[in-house]
PDB file of all heavy atoms in Angstrom:
ATOM      1  N   ASP A   1       0.818  -1.203   0.000  1.00  0.00           N
ATOM      2  CA  ASP A   1       0.000   0.000   0.000  1.00  0.00           C
ATOM      3  C   ASP A   1       0.853   1.255   0.000  1.00  0.00           C
ATOM      4  O   ASP A   1       0.472   2.279  -0.561  1.00  0.00           O
ATOM      5  CB  ASP A   1      -0.921   0.007   1.220  1.00  0.00           C
ATOM      6  CG  ASP A   1      -1.858   1.210   1.211  1.00  0.00           C
ATOM      7  OD1 ASP A   1      -2.729   1.249   0.323  1.00  0.00           O
ATOM      8  OD2 ASP A   1      -1.690   2.096   2.067  1.00  0.00           O
ATOM      9  N   SER A   2       2.035   1.172   0.601  1.00  0.00           N
ATOM     10  CA  SER A   2       2.898   2.352   0.696  1.00  0.00           C
ATOM     11  C   SER A   2       3.515   2.730  -0.631  1.00  0.00           C
ATOM     12  O   SER A   2       3.961   3.858  -0.806  1.00  0.00           O
ATOM     13  CB  SER A   2       4.011   2.110   1.725  1.00  0.00           C
ATOM     14  OG  SER A   2       4.949   1.163   1.242  1.00  0.00           O
ATOM     15  N   ILE A   3       3.548   1.803  -1.593  1.00  0.00           N
ATOM     16  CA  ILE A   3       4.178   2.121  -2.877  1.00  0.00           C
ATOM     17  C   ILE A   3       3.245   1.927  -4.060  1.00  0.00           C
ATOM     18  O   ILE A   3       3.647   2.116  -5.196  1.00  0.00           O
ATOM     19  CB  ILE A   3       5.436   1.276  -3.114  1.00  0.00           C
ATOM     20  CG1 ILE A   3       5.075  -0.209  -3.204  1.00  0.00           C
ATOM     21  CG2 ILE A   3       6.484   1.522  -2.072  1.00  0.00           C
ATOM     22  CD1 ILE A   3       6.244  -1.080  -3.663  1.00  0.00           C
ATOM     23  N   LYS A   4       1.976   1.597  -3.802  1.00  0.00           N
ATOM     24  CA  LYS A   4       1.109   1.254  -4.923  1.00  0.00           C
ATOM     25  C   LYS A   4       0.793   2.447  -5.825  1.00  0.00           C
ATOM     26  O   LYS A   4       0.388   2.276  -6.966  1.00  0.00           O
ATOM     27  CB  LYS A   4      -0.194   0.636  -4.421  1.00  0.00           C
ATOM     28  CG  LYS A   4      -1.091   1.579  -3.648  1.00  0.00           C
ATOM     29  CD  LYS A   4      -2.329   0.838  -3.183  1.00  0.00           C
ATOM     30  CE  LYS A   4      -3.281   1.747  -2.413  1.00  0.00           C
ATOM     31  NZ  LYS A   4      -4.464   1.011  -1.951  1.00  0.00           N
ATOM     32  N   ARG A   5       1.025   3.667  -5.333  1.00  0.00           N
ATOM     33  CA  ARG A   5       0.758   4.835  -6.162  1.00  0.00           C
ATOM     34  C   ARG A   5       1.850   5.058  -7.202  1.00  0.00           C
ATOM     35  O   ARG A   5       1.719   5.898  -8.089  1.00  0.00           O
ATOM     36  CB  ARG A   5       0.669   6.091  -5.291  1.00  0.00           C
ATOM     37  CG  ARG A   5       1.978   6.460  -4.624  1.00  0.00           C
ATOM     38  CD  ARG A   5       1.835   7.629  -3.684  1.00  0.00           C
ATOM     39  NE  ARG A   5       3.047   7.934  -2.978  1.00  0.00           N
ATOM     40  CZ  ARG A   5       4.017   8.695  -3.451  1.00  0.00           C
ATOM     41  NH1 ARG A   5       3.918   9.209  -4.647  1.00  0.00           N
ATOM     42  NH2 ARG A   5       5.108   8.924  -2.736  1.00  0.00           N
ATOM     43  N   LEU A   6       2.948   4.318  -7.096  1.00  0.00           N
ATOM     44  CA  LEU A   6       4.090   4.554  -7.961  1.00  0.00           C
ATOM     45  C   LEU A   6       4.098   3.637  -9.179  1.00  0.00           C
ATOM     46  O   LEU A   6       3.653   2.505  -9.123  1.00  0.00           O
ATOM     47  CB  LEU A   6       5.395   4.359  -7.177  1.00  0.00           C
ATOM     48  CG  LEU A   6       5.512   5.234  -5.933  1.00  0.00           C
ATOM     49  CD1 LEU A   6       6.753   4.849  -5.151  1.00  0.00           C
ATOM     50  CD2 LEU A   6       5.562   6.698  -6.320  1.00  0.00           C
ATOM     51  N   GLU A   7       4.642   4.144 -10.277  1.00  0.00           N
ATOM     52  CA  GLU A   7       4.792   3.353 -11.481  1.00  0.00           C
ATOM     53  C   GLU A   7       6.075   2.544 -11.379  1.00  0.00           C
ATOM     54  O   GLU A   7       6.878   2.723 -10.472  1.00  0.00           O
ATOM     55  CB  GLU A   7       4.856   4.280 -12.705  1.00  0.00           C
ATOM     56  CG  GLU A   7       3.598   5.144 -12.862  1.00  0.00           C
ATOM     57  CD  GLU A   7       3.765   6.190 -13.923  1.00  0.00           C
ATOM     58  OE1 GLU A   7       4.897   6.346 -14.428  1.00  0.00           O
ATOM     59  OE2 GLU A   7       2.788   6.857 -14.255  1.00  0.00           O
ATOM     60  N   ASN A   8       6.298   1.644 -12.352  1.00  0.00           N
ATOM     61  CA  ASN A   8       7.527   0.863 -12.388  1.00  0.00           C
ATOM     62  C   ASN A   8       8.568   1.558 -13.239  1.00  0.00           C
ATOM     63  O   ASN A   8       8.245   2.220 -14.227  1.00  0.00           O
ATOM     64  CB  ASN A   8       7.256  -0.525 -12.964  1.00  0.00           C
ATOM     65  CG  ASN A   8       6.437  -1.362 -12.009  1.00  0.00           C
ATOM     66  OD1 ASN A   8       6.942  -1.837 -11.017  1.00  0.00           O
ATOM     67  ND2 ASN A   8       5.149  -1.500 -12.303  1.00  0.00           N
ATOM     68  N   LEU A   9       9.825   1.399 -12.877  1.00  0.00           N
ATOM     69  CA  LEU A   9      10.918   2.075 -13.553  1.00  0.00           C
ATOM     70  C   LEU A   9      11.904   1.073 -14.103  1.00  0.00           C
ATOM     71  O   LEU A   9      12.403   0.219 -13.384  1.00  0.00           O
ATOM     72  CB  LEU A   9      11.632   3.010 -12.560  1.00  0.00           C
ATOM     73  CG  LEU A   9      12.915   3.691 -13.040  1.00  0.00           C
ATOM     74  CD1 LEU A   9      12.602   4.621 -14.199  1.00  0.00           C
ATOM     75  CD2 LEU A   9      13.543   4.465 -11.895  1.00  0.00           C
ATOM     76  N   TYR A  10      12.217   1.161 -15.397  1.00  0.00           N
ATOM     77  CA  TYR A  10      13.191   0.280 -16.027  1.00  0.00           C
ATOM     78  C   TYR A  10      14.281   1.150 -16.648  1.00  0.00           C
ATOM     79  O   TYR A  10      14.023   1.931 -17.556  1.00  0.00           O
ATOM     80  CB  TYR A  10      12.520  -0.567 -17.121  1.00  0.00           C
ATOM     81  CG  TYR A  10      11.493  -1.527 -16.567  1.00  0.00           C
ATOM     82  CD1 TYR A  10      10.201  -1.109 -16.273  1.00  0.00           C
ATOM     83  CD2 TYR A  10      11.827  -2.845 -16.311  1.00  0.00           C
ATOM     84  CE1 TYR A  10       9.264  -1.975 -15.735  1.00  0.00           C
ATOM     85  CE2 TYR A  10      10.901  -3.722 -15.780  1.00  0.00           C
ATOM     86  CZ  TYR A  10       9.612  -3.288 -15.496  1.00  0.00           C
ATOM     87  OH  TYR A  10       8.706  -4.157 -14.972  1.00  0.00           O
ATOM     88  N   LEU A  11      15.509   1.028 -16.147  1.00  0.00           N
ATOM     89  CA  LEU A  11      16.598   1.867 -16.629  1.00  0.00           C
ATOM     90  C   LEU A  11      17.703   1.086 -17.324  1.00  0.00           C
ATOM     91  O   LEU A  11      18.582   1.679 -17.927  1.00  0.00           O
ATOM     92  CB  LEU A  11      17.213   2.647 -15.450  1.00  0.00           C
ATOM     93  CG  LEU A  11      16.312   3.712 -14.835  1.00  0.00           C
ATOM     94  CD1 LEU A  11      17.012   4.369 -13.664  1.00  0.00           C
ATOM     95  CD2 LEU A  11      15.957   4.774 -15.858  1.00  0.00           C
ATOM     96  N   VAL A  12      17.682  -0.242 -17.259  1.00  0.00           N
ATOM     97  CA  VAL A  12      18.715  -1.053 -17.907  1.00  0.00           C
ATOM     98  C   VAL A  12      18.047  -2.072 -18.809  1.00  0.00           C
ATOM     99  O   VAL A  12      17.194  -2.832 -18.379  1.00  0.00           O
ATOM    100  CB  VAL A  12      19.586  -1.793 -16.863  1.00  0.00           C
ATOM    101  CG1 VAL A  12      20.638  -2.646 -17.565  1.00  0.00           C
ATOM    102  CG2 VAL A  12      20.262  -0.782 -15.958  1.00  0.00           C
ATOM    103  N   GLU A  13      18.440  -2.084 -20.075  1.00  0.00           N
ATOM    104  CA  GLU A  13      17.890  -3.042 -21.016  1.00  0.00           C
ATOM    105  C   GLU A  13      18.563  -4.397 -20.846  1.00  0.00           C
ATOM    106  O   GLU A  13      19.717  -4.490 -20.417  1.00  0.00           O
ATOM    107  CB  GLU A  13      18.099  -2.561 -22.451  1.00  0.00           C
ATOM    108  CG  GLU A  13      17.347  -1.266 -22.779  1.00  0.00           C
ATOM    109  CD  GLU A  13      17.528  -0.895 -24.227  1.00  0.00           C
ATOM    110  OE1 GLU A  13      16.723  -1.328 -25.058  1.00  0.00           O
ATOM    111  OE2 GLU A  13      18.500  -0.193 -24.527  1.00  0.00           O
ATOM    112  N   GLU A  14      17.870  -5.461 -21.241  1.00  0.00           N
ATOM    113  CA  GLU A  14      18.427  -6.805 -21.112  1.00  0.00           C
ATOM    114  C   GLU A  14      19.728  -6.943 -21.891  1.00  0.00           C
ATOM    115  O   GLU A  14      20.666  -7.601 -21.453  1.00  0.00           O
ATOM    116  CB  GLU A  14      17.412  -7.843 -21.603  1.00  0.00           C
ATOM    117  CG  GLU A  14      16.237  -8.050 -20.649  1.00  0.00           C
ATOM    118  CD  GLU A  14      15.365  -9.206 -21.071  1.00  0.00           C
ATOM    119  OE1 GLU A  14      15.637  -9.784 -22.151  1.00  0.00           O
ATOM    120  OE2 GLU A  14      14.418  -9.533 -20.338  1.00  0.00           O
ATOM    121  N   LYS A  15      19.803  -6.322 -23.054  1.00  0.00           N
ATOM    122  CA  LYS A  15      20.992  -6.469 -23.900  1.00  0.00           C
ATOM    123  C   LYS A  15      22.237  -5.863 -23.268  1.00  0.00           C
ATOM    124  O   LYS A  15      23.357  -6.151 -23.699  1.00  0.00           O
ATOM    125  CB  LYS A  15      20.741  -5.841 -25.269  1.00  0.00           C
ATOM    126  CG  LYS A  15      20.572  -4.330 -25.244  1.00  0.00           C
ATOM    127  CD  LYS A  15      20.303  -3.804 -26.645  1.00  0.00           C
ATOM    128  CE  LYS A  15      20.133  -2.290 -26.645  1.00  0.00           C
ATOM    129  NZ  LYS A  15      19.878  -1.773 -28.002  1.00  0.00           N
ATOM    130  N   GLU A  16      22.061  -5.010 -22.251  1.00  0.00           N
ATOM    131  CA  GLU A  16      23.203  -4.378 -21.604  1.00  0.00           C
ATOM    132  C   GLU A  16      23.752  -5.212 -20.449  1.00  0.00           C
ATOM    133  O   GLU A  16      24.798  -4.897 -19.893  1.00  0.00           O
ATOM    134  CB  GLU A  16      22.818  -2.988 -21.073  1.00  0.00           C
ATOM    135  CG  GLU A  16      22.169  -2.071 -22.101  1.00  0.00           C
ATOM    136  CD  GLU A  16      23.100  -1.709 -23.237  1.00  0.00           C
ATOM    137  OE1 GLU A  16      24.284  -2.110 -23.191  1.00  0.00           O
ATOM    138  OE2 GLU A  16      22.644  -1.045 -24.174  1.00  0.00           O
ATOM    139  N   LEU A  17      23.042  -6.279 -20.054  1.00  0.00           N
ATOM    140  CA  LEU A  17      23.457  -7.078 -18.915  1.00  0.00           C
ATOM    141  C   LEU A  17      24.468  -8.143 -19.329  1.00  0.00           C
ATOM    142  O   LEU A  17      24.436  -8.663 -20.444  1.00  0.00           O
ATOM    143  CB  LEU A  17      22.252  -7.761 -18.277  1.00  0.00           C
ATOM    144  CG  LEU A  17      21.141  -6.839 -17.759  1.00  0.00           C
ATOM    145  CD1 LEU A  17      20.012  -7.683 -17.199  1.00  0.00           C
ATOM    146  CD2 LEU A  17      21.669  -5.902 -16.705  1.00  0.00           C
ATOM    147  N   CYS A  18      25.355  -8.502 -18.414  1.00  0.00           N
ATOM    148  CA  CYS A  18      26.270  -9.609 -18.665  1.00  0.00           C
ATOM    149  C   CYS A  18      25.460 -10.906 -18.626  1.00  0.00           C
ATOM    150  O   CYS A  18      24.335 -10.955 -18.131  1.00  0.00           O
ATOM    151  CB  CYS A  18      27.394  -9.636 -17.621  1.00  0.00           C
ATOM    152  SG  CYS A  18      26.814  -9.956 -15.943  1.00  0.00           S
ATOM    153  N   THR A  19      26.042 -11.977 -19.155  1.00  0.00           N
ATOM    154  CA  THR A  19      25.328 -13.247 -19.257  1.00  0.00           C
ATOM    155  C   THR A  19      24.831 -13.745 -17.909  1.00  0.00           C
ATOM    156  O   THR A  19      23.694 -14.200 -17.766  1.00  0.00           O
ATOM    157  CB  THR A  19      26.247 -14.319 -19.886  1.00  0.00           C
ATOM    158  OG1 THR A  19      26.675 -13.854 -21.171  1.00  0.00           O
ATOM    159  CG2 THR A  19      25.503 -15.639 -20.070  1.00  0.00           C
ATOM    160  N   THR A  20      25.689 -13.634 -16.879  1.00  0.00           N
ATOM    161  CA  THR A  20      25.324 -14.116 -15.545  1.00  0.00           C
ATOM    162  C   THR A  20      24.141 -13.338 -14.978  1.00  0.00           C
ATOM    163  O   THR A  20      23.183 -13.926 -14.456  1.00  0.00           O
ATOM    164  CB  THR A  20      26.519 -13.994 -14.579  1.00  0.00           C
ATOM    165  OG1 THR A  20      27.614 -14.758 -15.105  1.00  0.00           O
ATOM    166  CG2 THR A  20      26.159 -14.518 -13.199  1.00  0.00           C
ATOM    167  N   CYS A  21      24.176 -12.008 -15.089  1.00  0.00           N
ATOM    168  CA  CYS A  21      23.097 -11.181 -14.551  1.00  0.00           C
ATOM    169  C   CYS A  21      21.790 -11.405 -15.309  1.00  0.00           C
ATOM    170  O   CYS A  21      20.720 -11.448 -14.712  1.00  0.00           O
ATOM    171  CB  CYS A  21      23.491  -9.702 -14.610  1.00  0.00           C
ATOM    172  SG  CYS A  21      24.832  -9.261 -13.495  1.00  0.00           S
ATOM    173  N   LEU A  22      21.895 -11.560 -16.640  1.00  0.00           N
ATOM    174  CA  LEU A  22      20.707 -11.787 -17.444  1.00  0.00           C
ATOM    175  C   LEU A  22      20.056 -13.115 -17.076  1.00  0.00           C
ATOM    176  O   LEU A  22      18.832 -13.205 -16.927  1.00  0.00           O
ATOM    177  CB  LEU A  22      21.069 -11.778 -18.930  1.00  0.00           C
ATOM    178  CG  LEU A  22      19.909 -12.035 -19.896  1.00  0.00           C
ATOM    179  CD1 LEU A  22      18.809 -11.019 -19.683  1.00  0.00           C
ATOM    180  CD2 LEU A  22      20.414 -11.987 -21.339  1.00  0.00           C
ATOM    181  N   ARG A  23      20.886 -14.161 -16.876  1.00  0.00           N
ATOM    182  CA  ARG A  23      20.352 -15.466 -16.501  1.00  0.00           C
ATOM    183  C   ARG A  23      19.661 -15.389 -15.143  1.00  0.00           C
ATOM    184  O   ARG A  23      18.593 -15.968 -14.930  1.00  0.00           O
ATOM    185  CB  ARG A  23      21.471 -16.504 -16.456  1.00  0.00           C
ATOM    186  CG  ARG A  23      20.952 -17.938 -16.232  1.00  0.00           C
ATOM    187  CD  ARG A  23      22.087 -18.938 -16.142  1.00  0.00           C
ATOM    188  NE  ARG A  23      22.912 -18.910 -17.333  1.00  0.00           N
ATOM    189  CZ  ARG A  23      24.186 -18.522 -17.366  1.00  0.00           C
ATOM    190  NH1 ARG A  23      24.757 -18.099 -16.236  1.00  0.00           N
ATOM    191  NH2 ARG A  23      24.867 -18.524 -18.473  1.00  0.00           N
ATOM    192  N   LYS A  24      20.271 -14.650 -14.213  1.00  0.00           N
ATOM    193  CA  LYS A  24      19.697 -14.486 -12.883  1.00  0.00           C
ATOM    194  C   LYS A  24      18.323 -13.818 -12.969  1.00  0.00           C
ATOM    195  O   LYS A  24      17.365 -14.246 -12.317  1.00  0.00           O
ATOM    196  CB  LYS A  24      20.641 -13.646 -12.013  1.00  0.00           C
ATOM    197  CG  LYS A  24      20.101 -13.353 -10.622  1.00  0.00           C
ATOM    198  CD  LYS A  24      21.086 -12.485  -9.849  1.00  0.00           C
ATOM    199  CE  LYS A  24      20.525 -12.124  -8.480  1.00  0.00           C
ATOM    200  NZ  LYS A  24      21.447 -11.243  -7.727  1.00  0.00           N
ATOM    201  N   CYS A  25      18.217 -12.777 -13.786  1.00  0.00           N
ATOM    202  CA  CYS A  25      16.948 -12.070 -13.934  1.00  0.00           C
ATOM    203  C   CYS A  25      15.890 -12.963 -14.584  1.00  0.00           C
ATOM    204  O   CYS A  25      14.727 -12.953 -14.192  1.00  0.00           O
ATOM    205  CB  CYS A  25      17.139 -10.811 -14.773  1.00  0.00           C
ATOM    206  SG  CYS A  25      18.106  -9.531 -13.948  1.00  0.00           S
ATOM    207  N   GLN A  26      16.298 -13.722 -15.598  1.00  0.00           N
ATOM    208  CA  GLN A  26      15.366 -14.601 -16.287  1.00  0.00           C
ATOM    209  C   GLN A  26      14.834 -15.681 -15.352  1.00  0.00           C
ATOM    210  O   GLN A  26      13.641 -16.000 -15.369  1.00  0.00           O
ATOM    211  CB  GLN A  26      16.053 -15.234 -17.505  1.00  0.00           C
ATOM    212  CG  GLN A  26      16.325 -14.239 -18.624  1.00  0.00           C
ATOM    213  CD  GLN A  26      17.157 -14.826 -19.738  1.00  0.00           C
ATOM    214  OE1 GLN A  26      17.914 -15.791 -19.531  1.00  0.00           O
ATOM    215  NE2 GLN A  26      17.034 -14.273 -20.929  1.00  0.00           N
ATOM    216  N   GLN A  27      15.724 -16.240 -14.521  1.00  0.00           N
ATOM    217  CA  GLN A  27      15.295 -17.264 -13.568  1.00  0.00           C
ATOM    218  C   GLN A  27      14.331 -16.685 -12.546  1.00  0.00           C
ATOM    219  O   GLN A  27      13.327 -17.327 -12.182  1.00  0.00           O
ATOM    220  CB  GLN A  27      16.521 -17.873 -12.877  1.00  0.00           C
ATOM    221  CG  GLN A  27      17.382 -18.726 -13.793  1.00  0.00           C
ATOM    222  CD  GLN A  27      18.667 -19.174 -13.131  1.00  0.00           C
ATOM    223  OE1 GLN A  27      19.079 -18.650 -12.090  1.00  0.00           O
ATOM    224  NE2 GLN A  27      19.327 -20.158 -13.728  1.00  0.00           N
ATOM    225  N   ALA A  28      14.627 -15.465 -12.079  1.00  0.00           N
ATOM    226  CA  ALA A  28      13.749 -14.818 -11.106  1.00  0.00           C
ATOM    227  C   ALA A  28      12.384 -14.526 -11.732  1.00  0.00           C
ATOM    228  O   ALA A  28      11.346 -14.683 -11.091  1.00  0.00           O
ATOM    229  CB  ALA A  28      14.389 -13.524 -10.600  1.00  0.00           C
ATOM    230  N   ARG A  29      12.395 -14.107 -13.004  1.00  0.00           N
ATOM    231  CA  ARG A  29      11.140 -13.820 -13.691  1.00  0.00           C
ATOM    232  C   ARG A  29      10.304 -15.079 -13.843  1.00  0.00           C
ATOM    233  O   ARG A  29       9.076 -15.063 -13.680  1.00  0.00           O
ATOM    234  CB  ARG A  29      11.425 -13.202 -15.051  1.00  0.00           C
ATOM    235  CG  ARG A  29      10.168 -12.704 -15.768  1.00  0.00           C
ATOM    236  CD  ARG A  29      10.489 -12.085 -17.098  1.00  0.00           C
ATOM    237  NE  ARG A  29      11.362 -10.922 -16.945  1.00  0.00           N
ATOM    238  CZ  ARG A  29      12.607 -10.872 -17.433  1.00  0.00           C
ATOM    239  NH1 ARG A  29      13.100 -11.899 -18.058  1.00  0.00           N
ATOM    240  NH2 ARG A  29      13.316  -9.791 -17.256  1.00  0.00           N
ATOM    241  N   GLU A  30      10.964 -16.190 -14.190  1.00  0.00           N
ATOM    242  CA  GLU A  30      10.247 -17.451 -14.341  1.00  0.00           C
ATOM    243  C   GLU A  30       9.610 -17.884 -13.026  1.00  0.00           C
ATOM    244  O   GLU A  30       8.477 -18.376 -12.992  1.00  0.00           O
ATOM    245  CB  GLU A  30      11.213 -18.538 -14.837  1.00  0.00           C
ATOM    246  CG  GLU A  30      11.660 -18.330 -16.289  1.00  0.00           C
ATOM    247  CD  GLU A  30      12.732 -19.321 -16.704  1.00  0.00           C
ATOM    248  OE1 GLU A  30      13.136 -20.145 -15.855  1.00  0.00           O
ATOM    249  OE2 GLU A  30      13.168 -19.280 -17.868  1.00  0.00           O
ATOM    250  N   LYS A  31      10.338 -17.676 -11.913  1.00  0.00           N
ATOM    251  CA  LYS A  31       9.814 -18.022 -10.600  1.00  0.00           C
ATOM    252  C   LYS A  31       8.587 -17.191 -10.261  1.00  0.00           C
ATOM    253  O   LYS A  31       7.579 -17.701  -9.749  1.00  0.00           O
ATOM    254  CB  LYS A  31      10.906 -17.832  -9.543  1.00  0.00           C
ATOM    255  CG  LYS A  31      10.482 -18.253  -8.145  1.00  0.00           C
ATOM    256  CD  LYS A  31      11.648 -18.111  -7.178  1.00  0.00           C
ATOM    257  CE  LYS A  31      11.228 -18.530  -5.775  1.00  0.00           C
ATOM    258  NZ  LYS A  31      12.356 -18.389  -4.805  1.00  0.00           N
ATOM    259  N   VAL A  32       8.668 -15.887 -10.559  1.00  0.00           N
ATOM    260  CA  VAL A  32       7.549 -14.993 -10.291  1.00  0.00           C
ATOM    261  C   VAL A  32       6.334 -15.380 -11.126  1.00  0.00           C
ATOM    262  O   VAL A  32       5.197 -15.373 -10.654  1.00  0.00           O
ATOM    263  CB  VAL A  32       7.944 -13.526 -10.577  1.00  0.00           C
ATOM    264  CG1 VAL A  32       6.719 -12.621 -10.533  1.00  0.00           C
ATOM    265  CG2 VAL A  32       8.970 -13.049  -9.561  1.00  0.00           C
ATOM    266  N   ASN A  33       6.582 -15.738 -12.391  1.00  0.00           N
ATOM    267  CA  ASN A  33       5.478 -16.133 -13.265  1.00  0.00           C
ATOM    268  C   ASN A  33       4.780 -17.390 -12.759  1.00  0.00           C
ATOM    269  O   ASN A  33       3.558 -17.529 -12.860  1.00  0.00           O
ATOM    270  CB  ASN A  33       5.989 -16.353 -14.692  1.00  0.00           C
ATOM    271  CG  ASN A  33       6.338 -15.049 -15.381  1.00  0.00           C
ATOM    272  OD1 ASN A  33       5.808 -13.996 -15.014  1.00  0.00           O
ATOM    273  ND2 ASN A  33       7.207 -15.110 -16.372  1.00  0.00           N
ATOM    274  N   LYS A  34       5.549 -18.340 -12.217  1.00  0.00           N
ATOM    275  CA  LYS A  34       4.951 -19.550 -11.662  1.00  0.00           C
ATOM    276  C   LYS A  34       4.043 -19.222 -10.483  1.00  0.00           C
ATOM    277  O   LYS A  34       2.955 -19.767 -10.339  1.00  0.00           O
ATOM    278  CB  LYS A  34       6.055 -20.528 -11.226  1.00  0.00           C
ATOM    279  CG  LYS A  34       6.792 -21.189 -12.382  1.00  0.00           C
ATOM    280  CD  LYS A  34       7.847 -22.168 -11.870  1.00  0.00           C
ATOM    281  CE  LYS A  34       8.578 -22.842 -13.029  1.00  0.00           C
ATOM    282  NZ  LYS A  34       9.626 -23.777 -12.549  1.00  0.00           N
ATOM    283  N   ILE A  35       4.520 -18.293  -9.625  1.00  0.00           N
ATOM    284  CA  ILE A  35       3.725 -17.889  -8.464  1.00  0.00           C
ATOM    285  C   ILE A  35       2.441 -17.205  -8.919  1.00  0.00           C
ATOM    286  O   ILE A  35       1.354 -17.437  -8.371  1.00  0.00           O
ATOM    287  CB  ILE A  35       4.544 -16.945  -7.553  1.00  0.00           C
ATOM    288  CG1 ILE A  35       5.735 -17.715  -6.954  1.00  0.00           C
ATOM    289  CG2 ILE A  35       3.669 -16.367  -6.448  1.00  0.00           C
ATOM    290  CD1 ILE A  35       6.677 -16.843  -6.153  1.00  0.00           C
ATOM    291  N   LYS A  36       2.549 -16.374  -9.973  1.00  0.00           N
ATOM    292  CA  LYS A  36       1.370 -15.684 -10.489  1.00  0.00           C
ATOM    293  C   LYS A  36       0.356 -16.676 -11.037  1.00  0.00           C
ATOM    294  O   LYS A  36      -0.845 -16.527 -10.849  1.00  0.00           O
ATOM    295  CB  LYS A  36       1.793 -14.693 -11.578  1.00  0.00           C
ATOM    296  CG  LYS A  36       2.480 -13.447 -11.073  1.00  0.00           C
ATOM    297  CD  LYS A  36       2.808 -12.509 -12.214  1.00  0.00           C
ATOM    298  CE  LYS A  36       3.452 -11.220 -11.706  1.00  0.00           C
ATOM    299  NZ  LYS A  36       3.800 -10.317 -12.819  1.00  0.00           N
ATOM    300  N   ASN A  37       0.854 -17.705 -11.745  1.00  0.00           N
ATOM    301  CA  ASN A  37      -0.040 -18.707 -12.320  1.00  0.00           C
ATOM    302  C   ASN A  37      -0.774 -19.489 -11.238  1.00  0.00           C
ATOM    303  O   ASN A  37      -1.950 -19.826 -11.372  1.00  0.00           O
ATOM    304  CB  ASN A  37       0.747 -19.661 -13.215  1.00  0.00           C
ATOM    305  CG  ASN A  37       1.259 -18.974 -14.472  1.00  0.00           C
ATOM    306  OD1 ASN A  37       0.670 -17.986 -14.921  1.00  0.00           O
ATOM    307  ND2 ASN A  37       2.339 -19.481 -15.052  1.00  0.00           N
ATOM    308  N   MET A  38      -0.046 -19.765 -10.138  1.00  0.00           N
ATOM    309  CA  MET A  38      -0.675 -20.469  -9.026  1.00  0.00           C
ATOM    310  C   MET A  38      -1.736 -19.590  -8.364  1.00  0.00           C
ATOM    311  O   MET A  38      -2.809 -20.047  -7.991  1.00  0.00           O
ATOM    312  CB  MET A  38       0.385 -20.882  -8.000  1.00  0.00           C
ATOM    313  CG  MET A  38       1.362 -21.946  -8.510  1.00  0.00           C
ATOM    314  SD  MET A  38       2.696 -22.257  -7.331  1.00  0.00           S
ATOM    315  CE  MET A  38       1.753 -22.888  -5.936  1.00  0.00           C
ATOM    316  N   ALA A  39      -1.422 -18.313  -8.233  1.00  0.00           N
ATOM    317  CA  ALA A  39      -2.359 -17.387  -7.592  1.00  0.00           C
ATOM    318  C   ALA A  39      -3.603 -17.182  -8.445  1.00  0.00           C
ATOM    319  O   ALA A  39      -4.691 -16.927  -7.935  1.00  0.00           O
ATOM    320  CB  ALA A  39      -1.675 -16.045  -7.333  1.00  0.00           C
ATOM    321  N   ALA A  40      -3.444 -17.311  -9.772  1.00  0.00           N
ATOM    322  CA  ALA A  40      -4.572 -17.093 -10.674  1.00  0.00           C
ATOM    323  C   ALA A  40      -5.668 -18.123 -10.469  1.00  0.00           C
ATOM    324  O   ALA A  40      -6.838 -17.886 -10.778  1.00  0.00           O
ATOM    325  CB  ALA A  40      -4.080 -17.124 -12.119  1.00  0.00           C
ATOM    326  N   ALA A  41      -5.305 -19.282  -9.943  1.00  0.00           N
ATOM    327  CA  ALA A  41      -6.275 -20.349  -9.706  1.00  0.00           C
ATOM    328  C   ALA A  41      -7.249 -19.979  -8.584  1.00  0.00           C
ATOM    329  O   ALA A  41      -8.339 -20.521  -8.487  1.00  0.00           O
ATOM    330  CB  ALA A  41      -5.549 -21.644  -9.362  1.00  0.00           C
ATOM    331  N   THR A  42      -6.846 -19.029  -7.730  1.00  0.00           N
ATOM    332  CA  THR A  42      -7.697 -18.568  -6.633  1.00  0.00           C
ATOM    333  C   THR A  42      -7.977 -17.085  -6.810  1.00  0.00           C
ATOM    334  O   THR A  42      -7.178 -16.239  -6.404  1.00  0.00           O
ATOM    335  CB  THR A  42      -7.004 -18.796  -5.267  1.00  0.00           C
ATOM    336  OG1 THR A  42      -6.614 -20.160  -5.169  1.00  0.00           O
ATOM    337  CG2 THR A  42      -7.939 -18.414  -4.123  1.00  0.00           C
ATOM    338  N   PRO A  43      -9.088 -16.736  -7.484  1.00  0.00           N
ATOM    339  CA  PRO A  43      -9.386 -15.327  -7.784  1.00  0.00           C
ATOM    340  C   PRO A  43      -9.433 -14.482  -6.513  1.00  0.00           C
ATOM    341  O   PRO A  43      -9.970 -14.897  -5.504  1.00  0.00           O
ATOM    342  CB  PRO A  43     -10.763 -15.398  -8.452  1.00  0.00           C
ATOM    343  CG  PRO A  43     -10.855 -16.798  -8.973  1.00  0.00           C
ATOM    344  CD  PRO A  43     -10.128 -17.641  -7.971  1.00  0.00           C
ATOM    345  N   LYS A  44      -8.851 -13.329  -6.588  1.00  0.00           N
ATOM    346  CA  LYS A  44      -8.902 -12.396  -5.473  1.00  0.00           C
ATOM    347  C   LYS A  44      -8.832 -10.982  -6.022  1.00  0.00           C
ATOM    348  O   LYS A  44      -8.412 -10.757  -7.141  1.00  0.00           O
ATOM    349  CB  LYS A  44      -7.757 -12.631  -4.486  1.00  0.00           C
ATOM    350  CG  LYS A  44      -6.368 -12.471  -5.106  1.00  0.00           C
ATOM    351  CD  LYS A  44      -5.276 -12.834  -4.138  1.00  0.00           C
ATOM    352  CE  LYS A  44      -5.247 -11.955  -2.934  1.00  0.00           C
ATOM    353  NZ  LYS A  44      -4.130 -12.221  -2.031  1.00  0.00           N
TER     354      LYS A  44
END
């Protein structure tokens, strides 16, 4: 609630990241997407 009024900010493009950092971000994104898919099964 304390930050919901704010938009999201993206300042670094994927192409600018080193291979290790890009892989880390992709893995984190995949994890988040799985959680979102699980949450979608229970509407709220």
